[in-house]
Protein backbone atom coordinates (compact mmCIF):
# COMPACT_ATOMS: atom_id res chain seq x y z
CA MET A 1 2.83 -25.07 4.94
CA ARG A 2 0.02 -23.50 2.99
CA VAL A 3 0.69 -21.51 -0.14
CA VAL A 4 -1.09 -18.14 -0.29
CA SER A 5 -1.44 -15.28 -2.78
CA PRO A 6 -1.21 -11.56 -1.94
CA ARG A 7 -4.49 -9.69 -1.62
CA VAL A 8 -5.10 -5.93 -1.56
CA PHE A 9 -8.22 -4.26 -0.16
CA LEU A 10 -8.97 -0.52 -0.25
CA LEU A 11 -10.63 0.06 3.13
CA GLU A 12 -11.10 3.80 3.16
CA LYS A 13 -10.76 6.91 1.02
CA PRO A 14 -11.40 10.63 1.64
CA GLU A 15 -14.86 12.06 2.05
CA VAL A 16 -15.21 15.84 2.24
CA GLN A 17 -17.70 17.22 4.77
CA VAL A 18 -19.64 19.37 2.32
CA HIS A 19 -21.44 21.56 4.87
CA ALA A 20 -18.22 22.40 6.71
CA ALA A 21 -16.49 23.09 3.40
CA ARG A 22 -19.28 25.46 2.37
CA GLU A 23 -19.08 27.30 5.68
CA TRP A 24 -15.30 27.66 5.28
CA LEU A 25 -15.58 28.85 1.67
CA ASP A 26 -18.08 31.52 2.68
CA HIS A 27 -15.84 32.53 5.59
CA ILE A 28 -12.91 33.24 3.25
CA GLY A 29 -15.10 35.03 0.72
CA ALA A 30 -15.33 32.34 -1.97
CA HIS A 31 -19.10 32.68 -2.20
CA GLU A 32 -19.28 32.00 -5.94
CA PHE A 33 -17.25 28.78 -5.83
CA GLU A 34 -19.31 25.63 -6.20
CA MET A 35 -17.95 22.21 -5.34
CA ASN A 36 -18.26 19.53 -7.99
CA ALA A 37 -20.89 17.06 -6.78
CA SER A 38 -19.59 14.30 -9.06
CA ALA A 39 -15.95 14.61 -7.95
CA THR A 40 -14.33 12.01 -5.74
CA GLY A 41 -13.47 12.93 -2.17
CA GLY A 42 -9.80 12.99 -3.07
CA GLU A 43 -10.37 15.33 -6.00
CA SER A 44 -12.48 17.72 -3.95
CA LEU A 45 -10.05 17.78 -1.03
CA VAL A 46 -7.03 18.44 -3.24
CA GLN A 47 -8.92 21.09 -5.20
CA LEU A 48 -9.89 22.91 -2.00
CA ALA A 49 -6.34 22.78 -0.64
CA GLY A 50 -4.78 23.78 -3.95
CA LYS A 51 -7.08 26.71 -4.57
CA ARG A 52 -6.65 27.96 -1.01
CA CYS A 53 -2.90 28.32 -1.57
CA TYR A 54 -3.48 31.05 -4.16
CA MET A 55 -7.05 32.02 -3.26
CA SER A 56 -7.97 31.02 -6.80
CA PHE A 57 -11.53 29.90 -6.10
CA GLN A 58 -13.02 32.66 -8.25
CA PRO A 59 -11.82 35.68 -10.24
CA GLY A 60 -11.32 38.78 -8.11
CA LEU A 61 -10.86 36.97 -4.80
CA ASN A 62 -7.12 37.42 -5.27
CA PRO A 63 -6.40 40.61 -7.25
CA ASN A 64 -3.39 38.90 -8.85
CA ILE A 65 -5.60 36.28 -10.50
CA GLU A 66 -7.94 37.09 -13.35
CA ARG A 67 -8.68 33.55 -14.61
CA VAL A 68 -9.18 30.31 -12.70
CA ARG A 69 -9.28 26.66 -13.75
CA THR A 70 -12.75 25.19 -13.41
CA ASP A 71 -12.19 21.80 -15.06
CA MET A 72 -11.19 19.25 -12.42
CA ALA A 73 -9.06 17.10 -14.73
CA GLU A 74 -7.10 20.13 -15.97
CA PHE A 75 -6.68 21.40 -12.42
CA ILE A 76 -5.26 18.12 -11.10
CA GLU A 77 -3.02 17.53 -14.11
CA ASN A 78 -1.54 21.00 -13.63
CA ILE A 79 -0.79 20.18 -9.99
CA LEU A 80 1.07 17.05 -11.08
CA LYS A 81 2.79 18.88 -13.91
CA VAL A 82 4.15 21.72 -11.77
CA GLY A 83 4.98 19.39 -8.87
CA HIS A 84 2.70 21.04 -6.32
CA GLY A 85 2.84 17.83 -4.29
CA SER A 86 2.08 19.26 -0.85
CA VAL A 87 -1.62 19.73 -1.64
CA ILE A 88 -2.13 16.09 -2.58
CA GLU A 89 -0.79 15.00 0.82
CA HIS A 90 -4.17 15.86 2.35
CA ALA A 91 -5.94 12.92 0.69
CA ASN A 92 -5.33 9.61 2.49
CA TYR A 93 -6.20 6.05 1.46
CA THR A 94 -6.16 2.97 3.67
CA PHE A 95 -5.24 -0.48 2.39
CA ALA A 96 -5.46 -3.86 4.05
CA ILE A 97 -2.76 -6.07 2.53
CA GLU A 98 -2.71 -9.79 3.29
CA ASN A 99 -0.68 -12.88 2.39
CA VAL A 100 2.56 -10.96 1.95
CA SER A 101 5.89 -11.96 3.43
CA ARG A 102 8.19 -10.22 5.85
CA VAL A 103 10.39 -9.70 2.82
CA PHE A 104 7.64 -7.47 1.45
CA THR A 105 6.93 -5.62 4.70
CA GLY A 106 10.65 -5.02 5.22
CA GLU A 107 10.68 -3.20 1.88
CA MET A 108 7.27 -1.54 2.18
CA ASN A 109 7.85 -0.19 5.68
CA ARG A 110 10.89 1.74 4.49
CA HIS A 111 8.32 4.10 2.95
CA ARG A 112 7.48 5.69 6.29
CA ALA A 113 7.06 9.28 5.12
CA GLY A 114 3.39 9.94 4.52
CA MET A 115 2.42 6.41 5.61
CA ALA A 116 0.78 4.91 8.72
CA ILE A 117 1.65 1.25 9.28
CA SER A 118 0.03 -1.47 11.43
CA GLU A 119 1.59 -4.88 10.76
CA GLY A 120 0.58 -8.27 12.14
CA SER A 121 2.56 -9.03 15.29
CA MET A 122 4.59 -12.24 15.41
CA ARG A 123 5.07 -11.58 19.10
CA PHE A 124 1.37 -12.11 19.74
CA ILE A 125 0.34 -14.49 16.92
CA ARG A 126 1.22 -18.20 17.08
CA PHE A 127 1.51 -20.38 14.00
CA THR A 128 -0.12 -23.74 13.37
CA ASN A 129 0.32 -23.92 9.60
CA ILE A 130 2.92 -21.51 8.21
CA PRO A 131 1.49 -19.45 5.31
CA PHE A 132 3.95 -18.84 2.49
CA TRP A 133 3.92 -16.94 -0.80
CA LYS A 134 5.65 -18.81 -3.59
CA PRO A 135 8.00 -16.34 -5.33
CA THR A 136 7.14 -15.53 -8.91
CA SER A 137 10.71 -16.39 -9.85
CA LEU A 138 10.03 -20.00 -8.83
CA CYS A 139 6.95 -20.38 -11.02
CA ILE A 140 7.64 -22.49 -14.08
CA ASN A 141 6.94 -20.77 -17.40
CA ASP A 142 6.21 -22.54 -20.66
CA ASP A 143 9.19 -20.91 -22.37
CA ASP A 144 11.67 -21.84 -19.61
CA PRO A 145 14.48 -24.12 -20.83
CA GLU A 146 14.19 -27.59 -19.33
CA PRO A 147 17.29 -27.15 -17.09
CA ILE A 148 15.72 -24.01 -15.60
CA LYS A 149 12.42 -25.81 -15.05
CA GLU A 150 14.23 -28.61 -13.23
CA ARG A 151 16.16 -26.19 -11.03
CA LYS A 152 12.93 -24.39 -10.15
CA ARG A 153 11.30 -27.70 -9.20
CA ILE A 154 14.26 -28.69 -6.99
CA THR A 155 14.41 -25.22 -5.41
CA TRP A 156 10.71 -25.32 -4.56
CA GLU A 157 11.16 -28.75 -2.96
CA VAL A 158 13.97 -27.31 -0.84
CA PHE A 159 11.67 -24.46 0.22
CA LYS A 160 8.93 -26.89 1.22
CA GLU A 161 11.38 -29.10 3.09
CA VAL A 162 12.76 -26.17 5.09
CA ILE A 163 9.30 -24.84 5.98
CA GLY A 164 8.21 -28.35 6.94
CA LYS A 165 11.16 -28.69 9.31
CA VAL A 166 10.39 -25.30 10.84
CA GLU A 167 6.77 -26.33 11.42
CA GLN A 168 7.92 -29.54 13.10
CA SER A 169 10.35 -27.63 15.30
CA TYR A 170 7.71 -25.02 16.15
CA LYS A 171 5.30 -27.77 17.19
CA LEU A 172 8.02 -29.38 19.30
CA LEU A 173 8.56 -26.08 21.11
CA GLU A 174 4.83 -25.77 21.77
CA GLU A 175 4.77 -29.29 23.22
CA LEU A 176 7.84 -28.55 25.33
CA TRP A 177 6.15 -25.49 26.83
CA ALA A 178 2.61 -26.89 26.82
CA THR A 179 1.97 -26.07 30.49
CA GLU A 180 2.83 -22.41 30.06
CA LEU A 181 0.74 -22.27 26.86
CA SER A 182 -2.38 -23.81 28.40
CA PRO A 183 -5.69 -21.87 28.39
CA THR A 184 -5.22 -21.11 32.07
CA SER A 185 -1.84 -19.47 31.56
CA SER A 186 -1.54 -15.70 31.50
CA PHE A 187 -1.40 -13.88 28.21
CA LYS A 188 1.90 -12.40 29.36
CA GLU A 189 3.43 -15.88 29.55
CA LYS A 190 2.09 -16.88 26.15
CA LYS A 191 3.31 -13.65 24.58
CA HIS A 192 6.78 -14.18 25.99
CA LEU A 193 6.99 -17.70 24.55
CA THR A 194 5.49 -16.73 21.19
CA SER A 195 8.11 -14.02 20.90
CA MET A 196 10.79 -16.63 21.53
CA PHE A 197 9.34 -19.17 19.06
CA ARG A 198 9.10 -16.65 16.21
CA ARG A 199 12.88 -16.49 15.92
CA ILE A 200 12.95 -19.79 14.03
CA VAL A 201 10.22 -18.73 11.57
CA PRO A 202 11.73 -17.58 8.23
CA MET A 203 11.14 -14.10 6.88
CA GLY A 204 9.26 -15.68 3.99
CA VAL A 205 6.29 -16.33 6.31
CA ALA A 206 3.13 -14.61 5.09
CA THR A 207 1.66 -11.84 7.20
CA GLY A 208 -0.56 -8.81 6.68
CA GLY A 209 -1.67 -5.50 8.06
CA VAL A 210 -3.04 -2.06 7.32
CA TRP A 211 -1.21 0.71 5.47
CA THR A 212 -2.53 4.27 5.10
CA GLY A 213 -0.85 6.68 2.74
CA ASN A 214 -1.48 10.05 1.18
CA LEU A 215 -1.52 10.52 -2.58
CA ARG A 216 1.98 11.92 -2.73
CA ALA A 217 3.43 9.01 -0.75
CA LEU A 218 1.51 6.47 -2.84
CA ARG A 219 2.70 8.00 -6.09
CA HIS A 220 6.29 7.79 -4.84
CA ILE A 221 5.84 4.14 -3.85
CA PHE A 222 4.34 3.24 -7.23
CA THR A 223 7.09 5.11 -9.07
CA MET A 224 9.80 3.23 -7.16
CA ARG A 225 8.19 -0.18 -6.69
CA CYS A 226 6.38 -0.72 -9.99
CA ALA A 227 9.63 -0.31 -11.90
CA PRO A 228 11.82 -3.06 -13.43
CA SER A 229 14.40 -2.71 -10.63
CA ALA A 230 11.87 -3.45 -7.86
CA GLU A 231 11.97 -6.65 -5.78
CA GLU A 232 9.52 -9.18 -7.22
CA GLU A 233 6.99 -9.34 -4.37
CA ILE A 234 6.71 -5.62 -3.74
CA LEU A 235 6.48 -5.14 -7.51
CA LEU A 236 3.49 -7.48 -7.58
CA VAL A 237 1.73 -5.90 -4.59
CA ALA A 238 2.48 -2.28 -5.52
CA SER A 239 1.11 -2.95 -9.00
CA MET A 240 -2.08 -4.35 -7.43
CA MET A 241 -2.35 -1.22 -5.29
CA LEU A 242 -1.78 1.01 -8.31
CA ASP A 243 -4.51 -0.80 -10.25
CA THR A 244 -6.83 -0.13 -7.31
CA MET A 245 -5.92 3.56 -7.18
CA ILE A 246 -6.29 4.00 -10.93
CA GLU A 247 -9.86 2.80 -10.53
CA ALA A 248 -10.54 4.82 -7.36
CA GLU A 249 -8.77 8.06 -8.37
CA PRO A 250 -8.06 8.01 -12.13
CA LEU A 251 -7.19 11.72 -12.36
CA PHE A 252 -4.32 11.37 -9.91
CA PHE A 253 -2.85 8.31 -11.62
CA ALA A 254 -3.77 8.80 -15.28
CA ASP A 255 -0.16 9.66 -16.09
CA PHE A 256 1.04 6.16 -15.15
CA GLU A 257 1.63 4.12 -18.30
CA LYS A 258 2.27 0.38 -18.42
CA VAL A 259 5.31 -0.47 -20.52
CA ASN A 260 6.49 -4.08 -20.88
CA GLY A 261 4.70 -5.07 -17.69
CA TYR A 262 5.97 -2.16 -15.58
CA TRP A 263 4.49 1.22 -14.69
CA GLN A 264 6.07 4.56 -15.56
CA PRO A 265 4.64 7.96 -14.53
CA LYS A 266 4.73 10.97 -16.80
CA TYR A 267 5.26 13.22 -13.78
CA ARG A 268 7.91 11.63 -11.54
CA LYS A 269 8.58 14.35 -8.98
CA VAL A 270 5.35 15.59 -7.48
């Protein structure tokens, strides 16, 4: 067994094709509207989508509108405030998340709406040294009473013993089916056996994958999974993702406030 720690990587974020946007704006008559060159791709994309809904690019384009918001921060905060969530669905962000357990992915993959998911396959991937994330609840804190510290130590030893037995059993299975797992065997045979072997591997095994989500879906995940009631691993990882998004797109996540170690949004339903 090797102990691992969750990692989060932001692989991709929106980038507006400026020339195409300019051609479109001229086509719909928004000749006076100028895109903000210093805005992030997410900000620009949401601004374009939001203003198209009401044709509010410039005064006079829609006879019902006499004034338009030009400040990006005010524009985005108003979208969050009024709950105009559909326009922020256009901006997508892709994360690679590694060293997380099947406990985490079982929770995370319930958030299917607005998300694209590609998770590591235990049907195709064989194990030689089972990676495992040690739960935060098993980490010994300085202020833990001694009985709690002792129970945590014993519990962690039980975890290690169980994983060790699984690794031994997994290796035994590989030896038992060594001929079918040889380099000359077909991938189909190996895949079939790997799928069979995985059934003895606990759901605490660390895995990884790629998750893509739009801003609305991500805000919902952070609202639900960065709260005190969240399961400990998804709380840890979702908080890491939120930290990443606050840095990448501060205007869309500026309303999240950290209180006693948890995150709370000012605008919950967007």
